[in-house]
Amino acid sequence: MKITKETIIGEILDKAPECTPIFLAIGMHCLGCPASRGESIEMACQVHGVDPDELVKKLNELVEKK
């Protein structure tokens, strides 16, 4: 799975649940909420004040190790 800024959070959590701690560490605690599961990485990062490029990099590094 290749994650981009346009990737939907719910898709990531379904295919790579090991990414959950990364989201929680940056303050995205509403991962079970239907609204947040439908957001793209970029949309969620705007709300939480996080650099989307840095988050995408961390997520892809973790997924590639799997």
PDB file of N, CA and C in Angstrom:
ATOM      1  N   MET A   1       0.849  -1.180   0.000  1.00  0.00           N
ATOM      2  CA  MET A   1       0.000   0.000   0.000  1.00  0.00           C
ATOM      3  C   MET A   1       0.892   1.239   0.000  1.00  0.00           C
ATOM      4  N   LYS A   2       0.650   2.128  -0.931  1.00  0.00           N
ATOM      5  CA  LYS A   2       1.375   3.395  -0.996  1.00  0.00           C
ATOM      6  C   LYS A   2       0.432   4.490  -0.509  1.00  0.00           C
ATOM      7  N   ILE A   3       0.823   5.191   0.545  1.00  0.00           N
ATOM      8  CA  ILE A   3       0.001   6.239   1.148  1.00  0.00           C
ATOM      9  C   ILE A   3       0.413   7.586   0.577  1.00  0.00           C
ATOM     10  N   THR A   4      -0.589   8.387   0.231  1.00  0.00           N
ATOM     11  CA  THR A   4      -0.367   9.750  -0.250  1.00  0.00           C
ATOM     12  C   THR A   4      -1.208  10.700   0.603  1.00  0.00           C
ATOM     13  N   LYS A   5      -1.071  11.979   0.356  1.00  0.00           N
ATOM     14  CA  LYS A   5      -1.877  12.969   1.091  1.00  0.00           C
ATOM     15  C   LYS A   5      -3.359  12.808   0.795  1.00  0.00           C
ATOM     16  N   GLU A   6      -3.687  12.200  -0.330  1.00  0.00           N
ATOM     17  CA  GLU A   6      -5.081  12.018  -0.716  1.00  0.00           C
ATOM     18  C   GLU A   6      -5.687  10.719  -0.169  1.00  0.00           C
ATOM     19  N   THR A   7      -4.863   9.853   0.413  1.00  0.00           N
ATOM     20  CA  THR A   7      -5.353   8.582   0.937  1.00  0.00           C
ATOM     21  C   THR A   7      -6.310   8.833   2.100  1.00  0.00           C
ATOM     22  N   ILE A   8      -7.389   8.093   2.117  1.00  0.00           N
ATOM     23  CA  ILE A   8      -8.414   8.228   3.154  1.00  0.00           C
ATOM     24  C   ILE A   8      -7.973   7.477   4.412  1.00  0.00           C
ATOM     25  N   ILE A   9      -8.141   8.112   5.560  1.00  0.00           N
ATOM     26  CA  ILE A   9      -7.675   7.544   6.820  1.00  0.00           C
ATOM     27  C   ILE A   9      -8.307   6.176   7.086  1.00  0.00           C
ATOM     28  N   GLY A  10      -9.593   6.027   6.846  1.00  0.00           N
ATOM     29  CA  GLY A  10     -10.251   4.739   7.070  1.00  0.00           C
ATOM     30  C   GLY A  10      -9.625   3.630   6.251  1.00  0.00           C
ATOM     31  N   GLU A  11      -9.215   3.930   5.041  1.00  0.00           N
ATOM     32  CA  GLU A  11      -8.566   2.945   4.174  1.00  0.00           C
ATOM     33  C   GLU A  11      -7.228   2.509   4.781  1.00  0.00           C
ATOM     34  N   ILE A  12      -6.487   3.482   5.305  1.00  0.00           N
ATOM     35  CA  ILE A  12      -5.202   3.165   5.929  1.00  0.00           C
ATOM     36  C   ILE A  12      -5.420   2.265   7.143  1.00  0.00           C
ATOM     37  N   LEU A  13      -6.375   2.632   7.991  1.00  0.00           N
ATOM     38  CA  LEU A  13      -6.628   1.859   9.204  1.00  0.00           C
ATOM     39  C   LEU A  13      -7.108   0.448   8.890  1.00  0.00           C
ATOM     40  N   ASP A  14      -7.877   0.294   7.824  1.00  0.00           N
ATOM     41  CA  ASP A  14      -8.359  -1.035   7.435  1.00  0.00           C
ATOM     42  C   ASP A  14      -7.240  -1.913   6.895  1.00  0.00           C
ATOM     43  N   LYS A  15      -6.354  -1.327   6.079  1.00  0.00           N
ATOM     44  CA  LYS A  15      -5.309  -2.107   5.414  1.00  0.00           C
ATOM     45  C   LYS A  15      -4.014  -2.186   6.218  1.00  0.00           C
ATOM     46  N   ALA A  16      -3.781  -1.193   7.083  1.00  0.00           N
ATOM     47  CA  ALA A  16      -2.538  -1.147   7.854  1.00  0.00           C
ATOM     48  C   ALA A  16      -2.821  -0.632   9.272  1.00  0.00           C
ATOM     49  N   PRO A  17      -3.504  -1.447  10.080  1.00  0.00           N
ATOM     50  CA  PRO A  17      -3.864  -0.998  11.431  1.00  0.00           C
ATOM     51  C   PRO A  17      -2.664  -0.663  12.308  1.00  0.00           C
ATOM     52  N   GLU A  18      -1.490  -1.139  11.926  1.00  0.00           N
ATOM     53  CA  GLU A  18      -0.285  -0.813  12.687  1.00  0.00           C
ATOM     54  C   GLU A  18       0.052   0.679  12.637  1.00  0.00           C
ATOM     55  N   CYS A  19      -0.621   1.431  11.762  1.00  0.00           N
ATOM     56  CA  CYS A  19      -0.410   2.880  11.654  1.00  0.00           C
ATOM     57  C   CYS A  19      -1.155   3.658  12.749  1.00  0.00           C
ATOM     58  N   THR A  20      -2.060   3.011  13.445  1.00  0.00           N
ATOM     59  CA  THR A  20      -2.872   3.691  14.458  1.00  0.00           C
ATOM     60  C   THR A  20      -2.036   4.480  15.461  1.00  0.00           C
ATOM     61  N   PRO A  21      -0.967   3.933  16.043  1.00  0.00           N
ATOM     62  CA  PRO A  21      -0.188   4.707  17.018  1.00  0.00           C
ATOM     63  C   PRO A  21       0.392   6.006  16.463  1.00  0.00           C
ATOM     64  N   ILE A  22       0.699   6.027  15.183  1.00  0.00           N
ATOM     65  CA  ILE A  22       1.233   7.258  14.580  1.00  0.00           C
ATOM     66  C   ILE A  22       0.159   8.347  14.595  1.00  0.00           C
ATOM     67  N   PHE A  23      -1.065   7.974  14.235  1.00  0.00           N
ATOM     68  CA  PHE A  23      -2.162   8.947  14.266  1.00  0.00           C
ATOM     69  C   PHE A  23      -2.424   9.428  15.689  1.00  0.00           C
ATOM     70  N   LEU A  24      -2.434   8.503  16.631  1.00  0.00           N
ATOM     71  CA  LEU A  24      -2.693   8.868  18.023  1.00  0.00           C
ATOM     72  C   LEU A  24      -1.602   9.784  18.571  1.00  0.00           C
ATOM     73  N   ALA A  25      -0.356   9.541  18.190  1.00  0.00           N
ATOM     74  CA  ALA A  25       0.772  10.330  18.687  1.00  0.00           C
ATOM     75  C   ALA A  25       0.710  11.793  18.254  1.00  0.00           C
ATOM     76  N   ILE A  26       0.037  12.071  17.146  1.00  0.00           N
ATOM     77  CA  ILE A  26      -0.052  13.467  16.691  1.00  0.00           C
ATOM     78  C   ILE A  26      -1.393  14.098  17.061  1.00  0.00           C
ATOM     79  N   GLY A  27      -2.149  13.419  17.918  1.00  0.00           N
ATOM     80  CA  GLY A  27      -3.382  14.017  18.423  1.00  0.00           C
ATOM     81  C   GLY A  27      -4.645  13.649  17.683  1.00  0.00           C
ATOM     82  N   MET A  28      -4.564  12.710  16.761  1.00  0.00           N
ATOM     83  CA  MET A  28      -5.766  12.278  16.044  1.00  0.00           C
ATOM     84  C   MET A  28      -6.410  11.133  16.815  1.00  0.00           C
ATOM     85  N   HIS A  29      -7.150  11.486  17.860  1.00  0.00           N
ATOM     86  CA  HIS A  29      -7.743  10.494  18.750  1.00  0.00           C
ATOM     87  C   HIS A  29      -9.142  10.064  18.333  1.00  0.00           C
ATOM     88  N   CYS A  30      -9.668  10.645  17.285  1.00  0.00           N
ATOM     89  CA  CYS A  30     -11.047  10.364  16.875  1.00  0.00           C
ATOM     90  C   CYS A  30     -11.086   9.369  15.702  1.00  0.00           C
ATOM     91  N   LEU A  31     -10.197   8.401  15.700  1.00  0.00           N
ATOM     92  CA  LEU A  31     -10.072   7.487  14.568  1.00  0.00           C
ATOM     93  C   LEU A  31     -11.290   6.600  14.356  1.00  0.00           C
ATOM     94  N   GLY A  32     -12.089   6.392  15.372  1.00  0.00           N
ATOM     95  CA  GLY A  32     -13.285   5.570  15.231  1.00  0.00           C
ATOM     96  C   GLY A  32     -14.489   6.337  14.729  1.00  0.00           C
ATOM     97  N   CYS A  33     -14.385   7.638  14.693  1.00  0.00           N
ATOM     98  CA  CYS A  33     -15.480   8.496  14.256  1.00  0.00           C
ATOM     99  C   CYS A  33     -15.658   8.370  12.736  1.00  0.00           C
ATOM    100  N   PRO A  34     -16.890   8.172  12.275  1.00  0.00           N
ATOM    101  CA  PRO A  34     -17.115   8.040  10.832  1.00  0.00           C
ATOM    102  C   PRO A  34     -16.610   9.241  10.024  1.00  0.00           C
ATOM    103  N   ALA A  35     -16.706  10.429  10.592  1.00  0.00           N
ATOM    104  CA  ALA A  35     -16.245  11.613   9.862  1.00  0.00           C
ATOM    105  C   ALA A  35     -14.741  11.570   9.645  1.00  0.00           C
ATOM    106  N   SER A  36     -13.989  11.215  10.677  1.00  0.00           N
ATOM    107  CA  SER A  36     -12.532  11.205  10.531  1.00  0.00           C
ATOM    108  C   SER A  36     -12.068  10.072   9.625  1.00  0.00           C
ATOM    109  N   ARG A  37     -12.759   8.950   9.645  1.00  0.00           N
ATOM    110  CA  ARG A  37     -12.384   7.833   8.773  1.00  0.00           C
ATOM    111  C   ARG A  37     -12.559   8.183   7.301  1.00  0.00           C
ATOM    112  N   GLY A  38     -13.395   9.175   7.002  1.00  0.00           N
ATOM    113  CA  GLY A  38     -13.631   9.584   5.626  1.00  0.00           C
ATOM    114  C   GLY A  38     -12.749  10.721   5.156  1.00  0.00           C
ATOM    115  N   GLU A  39     -11.893  11.228   6.049  1.00  0.00           N
ATOM    116  CA  GLU A  39     -11.010  12.337   5.684  1.00  0.00           C
ATOM    117  C   GLU A  39      -9.729  11.819   5.023  1.00  0.00           C
ATOM    118  N   SER A  40      -9.192  12.657   4.159  1.00  0.00           N
ATOM    119  CA  SER A  40      -7.880  12.352   3.595  1.00  0.00           C
ATOM    120  C   SER A  40      -6.815  12.755   4.614  1.00  0.00           C
ATOM    121  N   ILE A  41      -5.613  12.263   4.418  1.00  0.00           N
ATOM    122  CA  ILE A  41      -4.492  12.658   5.272  1.00  0.00           C
ATOM    123  C   ILE A  41      -4.355  14.175   5.267  1.00  0.00           C
ATOM    124  N   GLU A  42      -4.422  14.772   4.099  1.00  0.00           N
ATOM    125  CA  GLU A  42      -4.240  16.217   3.987  1.00  0.00           C
ATOM    126  C   GLU A  42      -5.306  16.980   4.761  1.00  0.00           C
ATOM    127  N   MET A  43      -6.559  16.546   4.664  1.00  0.00           N
ATOM    128  CA  MET A  43      -7.641  17.223   5.379  1.00  0.00           C
ATOM    129  C   MET A  43      -7.436  17.115   6.893  1.00  0.00           C
ATOM    130  N   ALA A  44      -7.102  15.935   7.372  1.00  0.00           N
ATOM    131  CA  ALA A  44      -6.896  15.727   8.805  1.00  0.00           C
ATOM    132  C   ALA A  44      -5.712  16.541   9.312  1.00  0.00           C
ATOM    133  N   CYS A  45      -4.664  16.626   8.521  1.00  0.00           N
ATOM    134  CA  CYS A  45      -3.483  17.387   8.933  1.00  0.00           C
ATOM    135  C   CYS A  45      -3.788  18.876   9.045  1.00  0.00           C
ATOM    136  N   GLN A  46      -4.626  19.384   8.173  1.00  0.00           N
ATOM    137  CA  GLN A  46      -5.015  20.794   8.256  1.00  0.00           C
ATOM    138  C   GLN A  46      -5.722  21.072   9.572  1.00  0.00           C
ATOM    139  N   VAL A  47      -6.612  20.189   9.964  1.00  0.00           N
ATOM    140  CA  VAL A  47      -7.367  20.355  11.202  1.00  0.00           C
ATOM    141  C   VAL A  47      -6.458  20.260  12.426  1.00  0.00           C
ATOM    142  N   HIS A  48      -5.471  19.365  12.374  1.00  0.00           N
ATOM    143  CA  HIS A  48      -4.623  19.105  13.537  1.00  0.00           C
ATOM    144  C   HIS A  48      -3.295  19.847  13.510  1.00  0.00           C
ATOM    145  N   GLY A  49      -3.070  20.669  12.502  1.00  0.00           N
ATOM    146  CA  GLY A  49      -1.836  21.453  12.433  1.00  0.00           C
ATOM    147  C   GLY A  49      -0.583  20.603  12.258  1.00  0.00           C
ATOM    148  N   VAL A  50      -0.685  19.584  11.434  1.00  0.00           N
ATOM    149  CA  VAL A  50       0.423  18.655  11.204  1.00  0.00           C
ATOM    150  C   VAL A  50       0.867  18.758   9.747  1.00  0.00           C
ATOM    151  N   ASP A  51       2.158  18.612   9.519  1.00  0.00           N
ATOM    152  CA  ASP A  51       2.702  18.634   8.158  1.00  0.00           C
ATOM    153  C   ASP A  51       2.304  17.330   7.459  1.00  0.00           C
ATOM    154  N   PRO A  52       1.471  17.394   6.422  1.00  0.00           N
ATOM    155  CA  PRO A  52       1.017  16.164   5.771  1.00  0.00           C
ATOM    156  C   PRO A  52       2.142  15.379   5.107  1.00  0.00           C
ATOM    157  N   ASP A  53       3.133  16.063   4.576  1.00  0.00           N
ATOM    158  CA  ASP A  53       4.243  15.364   3.928  1.00  0.00           C
ATOM    159  C   ASP A  53       5.028  14.532   4.939  1.00  0.00           C
ATOM    160  N   GLU A  54       5.241  15.084   6.125  1.00  0.00           N
ATOM    161  CA  GLU A  54       5.965  14.365   7.171  1.00  0.00           C
ATOM    162  C   GLU A  54       5.166  13.154   7.658  1.00  0.00           C
ATOM    163  N   LEU A  55       3.854  13.326   7.809  1.00  0.00           N
ATOM    164  CA  LEU A  55       3.009  12.215   8.240  1.00  0.00           C
ATOM    165  C   LEU A  55       2.993  11.104   7.198  1.00  0.00           C
ATOM    166  N   VAL A  56       2.854  11.464   5.940  1.00  0.00           N
ATOM    167  CA  VAL A  56       2.857  10.473   4.852  1.00  0.00           C
ATOM    168  C   VAL A  56       4.175   9.705   4.857  1.00  0.00           C
ATOM    169  N   LYS A  57       5.266  10.404   5.063  1.00  0.00           N
ATOM    170  CA  LYS A  57       6.583   9.761   5.108  1.00  0.00           C
ATOM    171  C   LYS A  57       6.641   8.727   6.233  1.00  0.00           C
ATOM    172  N   LYS A  58       6.192   9.105   7.433  1.00  0.00           N
ATOM    173  CA  LYS A  58       6.223   8.189   8.577  1.00  0.00           C
ATOM    174  C   LYS A  58       5.332   6.971   8.333  1.00  0.00           C
ATOM    175  N   LEU A  59       4.141   7.212   7.807  1.00  0.00           N
ATOM    176  CA  LEU A  59       3.211   6.106   7.557  1.00  0.00           C
ATOM    177  C   LEU A  59       3.771   5.136   6.526  1.00  0.00           C
ATOM    178  N   ASN A  60       4.325   5.659   5.435  1.00  0.00           N
ATOM    179  CA  ASN A  60       4.889   4.790   4.398  1.00  0.00           C
ATOM    180  C   ASN A  60       6.094   4.009   4.913  1.00  0.00           C
ATOM    181  N   GLU A  61       6.923   4.631   5.752  1.00  0.00           N
ATOM    182  CA  GLU A  61       8.063   3.911   6.328  1.00  0.00           C
ATOM    183  C   GLU A  61       7.580   2.723   7.156  1.00  0.00           C
ATOM    184  N   LEU A  62       6.529   2.923   7.930  1.00  0.00           N
ATOM    185  CA  LEU A  62       6.002   1.839   8.749  1.00  0.00           C
ATOM    186  C   LEU A  62       5.385   0.743   7.888  1.00  0.00           C
ATOM    187  N   VAL A  63       4.603   1.120   6.894  1.00  0.00           N
ATOM    188  CA  VAL A  63       3.948   0.140   6.025  1.00  0.00           C
ATOM    189  C   VAL A  63       4.973  -0.664   5.229  1.00  0.00           C
ATOM    190  N   GLU A  64       6.049  -0.020   4.811  1.00  0.00           N
ATOM    191  CA  GLU A  64       7.076  -0.718   4.026  1.00  0.00           C
ATOM    192  C   GLU A  64       7.825  -1.762   4.855  1.00  0.00           C
ATOM    193  N   LYS A  65       7.888  -1.558   6.170  1.00  0.00           N
ATOM    194  CA  LYS A  65       8.564  -2.523   7.053  1.00  0.00           C
ATOM    195  C   LYS A  65       7.747  -3.789   7.226  1.00  0.00           C
ATOM    196  N   LYS A  66       6.471  -3.711   6.982  1.00  0.00           N
ATOM    197  CA  LYS A  66       5.544  -4.831   7.203  1.00  0.00           C
ATOM    198  C   LYS A  66       5.807  -5.977   6.249  1.00  0.00           C
TER     199      LYS A  66
END
